[in-house]
């Protein structure tokens, strides 16, 4: 199994493509992405899923 990564964008208008490209280049084959979640929010559902892996 390869590496797992997590990306986050603060607003729904933003795009995580550059983060996905960087994580893929770093060898991640599973990427979880939170959309519309600010950095100070404690509720990050995709990050929680990653932690459960």
PDB file of N, CA and C in Angstrom:
ATOM      1  N   UNK A   1       0.845  -1.184   0.000  1.00  0.00           N
ATOM      2  CA  UNK A   1       0.000   0.000   0.000  1.00  0.00           C
ATOM      3  C   UNK A   1       0.886   1.241   0.000  1.00  0.00           C
ATOM      4  N   UNK A   2       0.477   2.255  -0.740  1.00  0.00           N
ATOM      5  CA  UNK A   2       1.233   3.493  -0.830  1.00  0.00           C
ATOM      6  C   UNK A   2       0.893   4.451   0.293  1.00  0.00           C
ATOM      7  N   UNK A   3       1.319   5.653   0.134  1.00  0.00           N
ATOM      8  CA  UNK A   3       1.095   6.676   1.146  1.00  0.00           C
ATOM      9  C   UNK A   3      -0.298   7.261   1.035  1.00  0.00           C
ATOM     10  N   UNK A   4      -0.725   7.879   2.127  1.00  0.00           N
ATOM     11  CA  UNK A   4      -2.027   8.538   2.196  1.00  0.00           C
ATOM     12  C   UNK A   4      -1.779  10.015   2.465  1.00  0.00           C
ATOM     13  N   UNK A   5      -2.539  10.888   1.776  1.00  0.00           N
ATOM     14  CA  UNK A   5      -2.375  12.324   1.967  1.00  0.00           C
ATOM     15  C   UNK A   5      -3.698  12.999   2.249  1.00  0.00           C
ATOM     16  N   UNK A   6      -3.619  14.237   2.701  1.00  0.00           N
ATOM     17  CA  UNK A   6      -4.818  15.007   2.993  1.00  0.00           C
ATOM     18  C   UNK A   6      -4.635  16.418   2.447  1.00  0.00           C
ATOM     19  N   UNK A   7      -5.649  16.902   1.749  1.00  0.00           N
ATOM     20  CA  UNK A   7      -5.652  18.257   1.210  1.00  0.00           C
ATOM     21  C   UNK A   7      -6.828  19.013   1.823  1.00  0.00           C
ATOM     22  N   UNK A   8      -6.720  20.347   1.835  1.00  0.00           N
ATOM     23  CA  UNK A   8      -7.806  21.159   2.378  1.00  0.00           C
ATOM     24  C   UNK A   8      -7.877  22.476   1.628  1.00  0.00           C
ATOM     25  N   UNK A   9      -9.095  22.892   1.324  1.00  0.00           N
ATOM     26  CA  UNK A   9      -9.321  24.231   0.793  1.00  0.00           C
ATOM     27  C   UNK A   9     -10.329  24.921   1.698  1.00  0.00           C
ATOM     28  N   UNK A  10     -10.145  26.221   1.895  1.00  0.00           N
ATOM     29  CA  UNK A  10     -10.952  26.964   2.862  1.00  0.00           C
ATOM     30  C   UNK A  10     -12.356  27.287   2.378  1.00  0.00           C
ATOM     31  N   UNK A  11     -12.506  27.498   1.073  1.00  0.00           N
ATOM     32  CA  UNK A  11     -13.830  27.850   0.555  1.00  0.00           C
ATOM     33  C   UNK A  11     -14.233  26.867  -0.538  1.00  0.00           C
ATOM     34  N   UNK A  12     -15.510  26.801  -0.785  1.00  0.00           N
ATOM     35  CA  UNK A  12     -16.008  25.905  -1.821  1.00  0.00           C
ATOM     36  C   UNK A  12     -15.587  26.364  -3.212  1.00  0.00           C
ATOM     37  N   UNK A  13     -15.218  27.658  -3.347  1.00  0.00           N
ATOM     38  CA  UNK A  13     -14.781  28.199  -4.636  1.00  0.00           C
ATOM     39  C   UNK A  13     -13.343  27.819  -4.968  1.00  0.00           C
ATOM     40  N   UNK A  14     -12.569  27.422  -3.977  1.00  0.00           N
ATOM     41  CA  UNK A  14     -11.171  27.086  -4.211  1.00  0.00           C
ATOM     42  C   UNK A  14     -11.050  25.677  -4.772  1.00  0.00           C
ATOM     43  N   UNK A  15      -9.883  25.405  -5.340  1.00  0.00           N
ATOM     44  CA  UNK A  15      -9.636  24.136  -5.998  1.00  0.00           C
ATOM     45  C   UNK A  15      -8.400  23.480  -5.390  1.00  0.00           C
ATOM     46  N   UNK A  16      -8.484  22.198  -5.121  1.00  0.00           N
ATOM     47  CA  UNK A  16      -7.376  21.478  -4.486  1.00  0.00           C
ATOM     48  C   UNK A  16      -6.482  20.758  -5.498  1.00  0.00           C
ATOM     49  N   UNK A  17      -6.604  21.066  -6.775  1.00  0.00           N
ATOM     50  CA  UNK A  17      -5.843  20.355  -7.808  1.00  0.00           C
ATOM     51  C   UNK A  17      -4.331  20.429  -7.605  1.00  0.00           C
ATOM     52  N   UNK A  18      -3.802  21.598  -7.245  1.00  0.00           N
ATOM     53  CA  UNK A  18      -2.358  21.718  -7.039  1.00  0.00           C
ATOM     54  C   UNK A  18      -1.901  20.879  -5.845  1.00  0.00           C
ATOM     55  N   UNK A  19      -2.710  20.849  -4.791  1.00  0.00           N
ATOM     56  CA  UNK A  19      -2.371  20.024  -3.637  1.00  0.00           C
ATOM     57  C   UNK A  19      -2.400  18.542  -4.011  1.00  0.00           C
ATOM     58  N   UNK A  20      -3.409  18.155  -4.792  1.00  0.00           N
ATOM     59  CA  UNK A  20      -3.512  16.759  -5.245  1.00  0.00           C
ATOM     60  C   UNK A  20      -2.300  16.382  -6.099  1.00  0.00           C
ATOM     61  N   UNK A  21      -1.895  17.276  -6.981  1.00  0.00           N
ATOM     62  CA  UNK A  21      -0.739  17.005  -7.841  1.00  0.00           C
ATOM     63  C   UNK A  21       0.524  16.841  -6.998  1.00  0.00           C
ATOM     64  N   UNK A  22       0.708  17.703  -6.003  1.00  0.00           N
ATOM     65  CA  UNK A  22       1.892  17.613  -5.147  1.00  0.00           C
ATOM     66  C   UNK A  22       1.877  16.328  -4.324  1.00  0.00           C
ATOM     67  N   UNK A  23       0.710  15.968  -3.807  1.00  0.00           N
ATOM     68  CA  UNK A  23       0.614  14.735  -3.009  1.00  0.00           C
ATOM     69  C   UNK A  23       0.840  13.498  -3.885  1.00  0.00           C
ATOM     70  N   UNK A  24       0.312  13.514  -5.091  1.00  0.00           N
ATOM     71  CA  UNK A  24       0.526  12.400  -6.016  1.00  0.00           C
ATOM     72  C   UNK A  24       2.005  12.288  -6.378  1.00  0.00           C
ATOM     73  N   UNK A  25       2.641  13.424  -6.640  1.00  0.00           N
ATOM     74  CA  UNK A  25       4.071  13.424  -6.963  1.00  0.00           C
ATOM     75  C   UNK A  25       4.907  12.919  -5.787  1.00  0.00           C
ATOM     76  N   UNK A  26       4.390  13.103  -4.580  1.00  0.00           N
ATOM     77  CA  UNK A  26       5.100  12.642  -3.388  1.00  0.00           C
ATOM     78  C   UNK A  26       4.844  11.164  -3.098  1.00  0.00           C
ATOM     79  N   UNK A  27       4.008  10.536  -3.933  1.00  0.00           N
ATOM     80  CA  UNK A  27       3.777   9.103  -3.791  1.00  0.00           C
ATOM     81  C   UNK A  27       2.478   8.703  -3.126  1.00  0.00           C
ATOM     82  N   UNK A  28       1.593   9.646  -2.877  1.00  0.00           N
ATOM     83  CA  UNK A  28       0.308   9.314  -2.259  1.00  0.00           C
ATOM     84  C   UNK A  28      -0.611   8.679  -3.295  1.00  0.00           C
ATOM     85  N   UNK A  29      -1.204   7.558  -2.932  1.00  0.00           N
ATOM     86  CA  UNK A  29      -2.165   6.946  -3.843  1.00  0.00           C
ATOM     87  C   UNK A  29      -3.593   7.052  -3.308  1.00  0.00           C
ATOM     88  N   UNK A  30      -3.754   7.511  -2.082  1.00  0.00           N
ATOM     89  CA  UNK A  30      -5.074   7.836  -1.529  1.00  0.00           C
ATOM     90  C   UNK A  30      -4.992   9.240  -0.975  1.00  0.00           C
ATOM     91  N   UNK A  31      -5.927  10.098  -1.407  1.00  0.00           N
ATOM     92  CA  UNK A  31      -5.942  11.488  -0.965  1.00  0.00           C
ATOM     93  C   UNK A  31      -7.342  11.825  -0.472  1.00  0.00           C
ATOM     94  N   UNK A  32      -7.405  12.339   0.752  1.00  0.00           N
ATOM     95  CA  UNK A  32      -8.655  12.784   1.337  1.00  0.00           C
ATOM     96  C   UNK A  32      -8.670  14.304   1.267  1.00  0.00           C
ATOM     97  N   UNK A  33      -9.799  14.893   0.855  1.00  0.00           N
ATOM     98  CA  UNK A  33      -9.860  16.337   0.662  1.00  0.00           C
ATOM     99  C   UNK A  33     -11.061  16.933   1.379  1.00  0.00           C
ATOM    100  N   UNK A  34     -10.789  17.901   2.257  1.00  0.00           N
ATOM    101  CA  UNK A  34     -11.850  18.670   2.902  1.00  0.00           C
ATOM    102  C   UNK A  34     -12.063  19.945   2.097  1.00  0.00           C
ATOM    103  N   UNK A  35     -13.314  20.225   1.743  1.00  0.00           N
ATOM    104  CA  UNK A  35     -13.676  21.426   0.986  1.00  0.00           C
ATOM    105  C   UNK A  35     -14.468  22.366   1.892  1.00  0.00           C
ATOM    106  N   UNK A  36     -14.157  23.655   1.815  1.00  0.00           N
ATOM    107  CA  UNK A  36     -14.894  24.645   2.578  1.00  0.00           C
ATOM    108  C   UNK A  36     -14.655  24.552   4.069  1.00  0.00           C
ATOM    109  N   UNK A  37     -13.447  24.155   4.450  1.00  0.00           N
ATOM    110  CA  UNK A  37     -13.118  24.002   5.860  1.00  0.00           C
ATOM    111  C   UNK A  37     -11.914  24.880   6.170  1.00  0.00           C
ATOM    112  N   UNK A  38     -12.113  25.878   7.014  1.00  0.00           N
ATOM    113  CA  UNK A  38     -11.018  26.745   7.418  1.00  0.00           C
ATOM    114  C   UNK A  38     -10.038  26.012   8.306  1.00  0.00           C
ATOM    115  N   UNK A  39      -8.830  26.530   8.386  1.00  0.00           N
ATOM    116  CA  UNK A  39      -7.775  25.885   9.152  1.00  0.00           C
ATOM    117  C   UNK A  39      -8.043  25.824  10.645  1.00  0.00           C
ATOM    118  N   UNK A  40      -8.885  26.704  11.162  1.00  0.00           N
ATOM    119  CA  UNK A  40      -9.131  26.725  12.604  1.00  0.00           C
ATOM    120  C   UNK A  40     -10.311  25.852  13.011  1.00  0.00           C
ATOM    121  N   UNK A  41     -11.034  25.296  12.046  1.00  0.00           N
ATOM    122  CA  UNK A  41     -12.187  24.461  12.380  1.00  0.00           C
ATOM    123  C   UNK A  41     -11.726  23.091  12.866  1.00  0.00           C
ATOM    124  N   UNK A  42     -12.374  22.643  13.925  1.00  0.00           N
ATOM    125  CA  UNK A  42     -12.027  21.337  14.485  1.00  0.00           C
ATOM    126  C   UNK A  42     -12.690  20.203  13.700  1.00  0.00           C
ATOM    127  N   UNK A  43     -13.775  20.483  12.996  1.00  0.00           N
ATOM    128  CA  UNK A  43     -14.514  19.452  12.275  1.00  0.00           C
ATOM    129  C   UNK A  43     -13.995  19.342  10.847  1.00  0.00           C
ATOM    130  N   UNK A  44     -13.173  18.327  10.602  1.00  0.00           N
ATOM    131  CA  UNK A  44     -12.634  18.065   9.265  1.00  0.00           C
ATOM    132  C   UNK A  44     -12.924  16.610   8.946  1.00  0.00           C
ATOM    133  N   UNK A  45     -14.083  16.332   8.338  1.00  0.00           N
ATOM    134  CA  UNK A  45     -14.534  14.950   8.132  1.00  0.00           C
ATOM    135  C   UNK A  45     -13.555  14.081   7.343  1.00  0.00           C
ATOM    136  N   UNK A  46     -12.930  14.612   6.309  1.00  0.00           N
ATOM    137  CA  UNK A  46     -12.010  13.805   5.510  1.00  0.00           C
ATOM    138  C   UNK A  46     -10.723  13.503   6.287  1.00  0.00           C
ATOM    139  N   UNK A  47     -10.261  14.448   7.088  1.00  0.00           N
ATOM    140  CA  UNK A  47      -9.096  14.194   7.921  1.00  0.00           C
ATOM    141  C   UNK A  47      -9.433  13.097   8.946  1.00  0.00           C
ATOM    142  N   UNK A  48     -10.648  13.138   9.482  1.00  0.00           N
ATOM    143  CA  UNK A  48     -11.071  12.076  10.406  1.00  0.00           C
ATOM    144  C   UNK A  48     -11.071  10.717   9.727  1.00  0.00           C
ATOM    145  N   UNK A  49     -11.522  10.652   8.473  1.00  0.00           N
ATOM    146  CA  UNK A  49     -11.500   9.383   7.719  1.00  0.00           C
ATOM    147  C   UNK A  49     -10.070   8.900   7.539  1.00  0.00           C
ATOM    148  N   UNK A  50      -9.150   9.844   7.226  1.00  0.00           N
ATOM    149  CA  UNK A  50      -7.746   9.470   7.061  1.00  0.00           C
ATOM    150  C   UNK A  50      -7.200   8.877   8.349  1.00  0.00           C
ATOM    151  N   UNK A  51      -7.535   9.475   9.467  1.00  0.00           N
ATOM    152  CA  UNK A  51      -7.046   8.984  10.764  1.00  0.00           C
ATOM    153  C   UNK A  51      -7.562   7.586  11.064  1.00  0.00           C
ATOM    154  N   UNK A  52      -8.720   7.232  10.518  1.00  0.00           N
ATOM    155  CA  UNK A  52      -9.296   5.907  10.757  1.00  0.00           C
ATOM    156  C   UNK A  52      -8.658   4.823   9.898  1.00  0.00           C
ATOM    157  N   UNK A  53      -7.815   5.202   8.924  1.00  0.00           N
ATOM    158  CA  UNK A  53      -7.187   4.217   8.033  1.00  0.00           C
ATOM    159  C   UNK A  53      -6.172   3.375   8.759  1.00  0.00           C
TER     160      UNK A  53
END
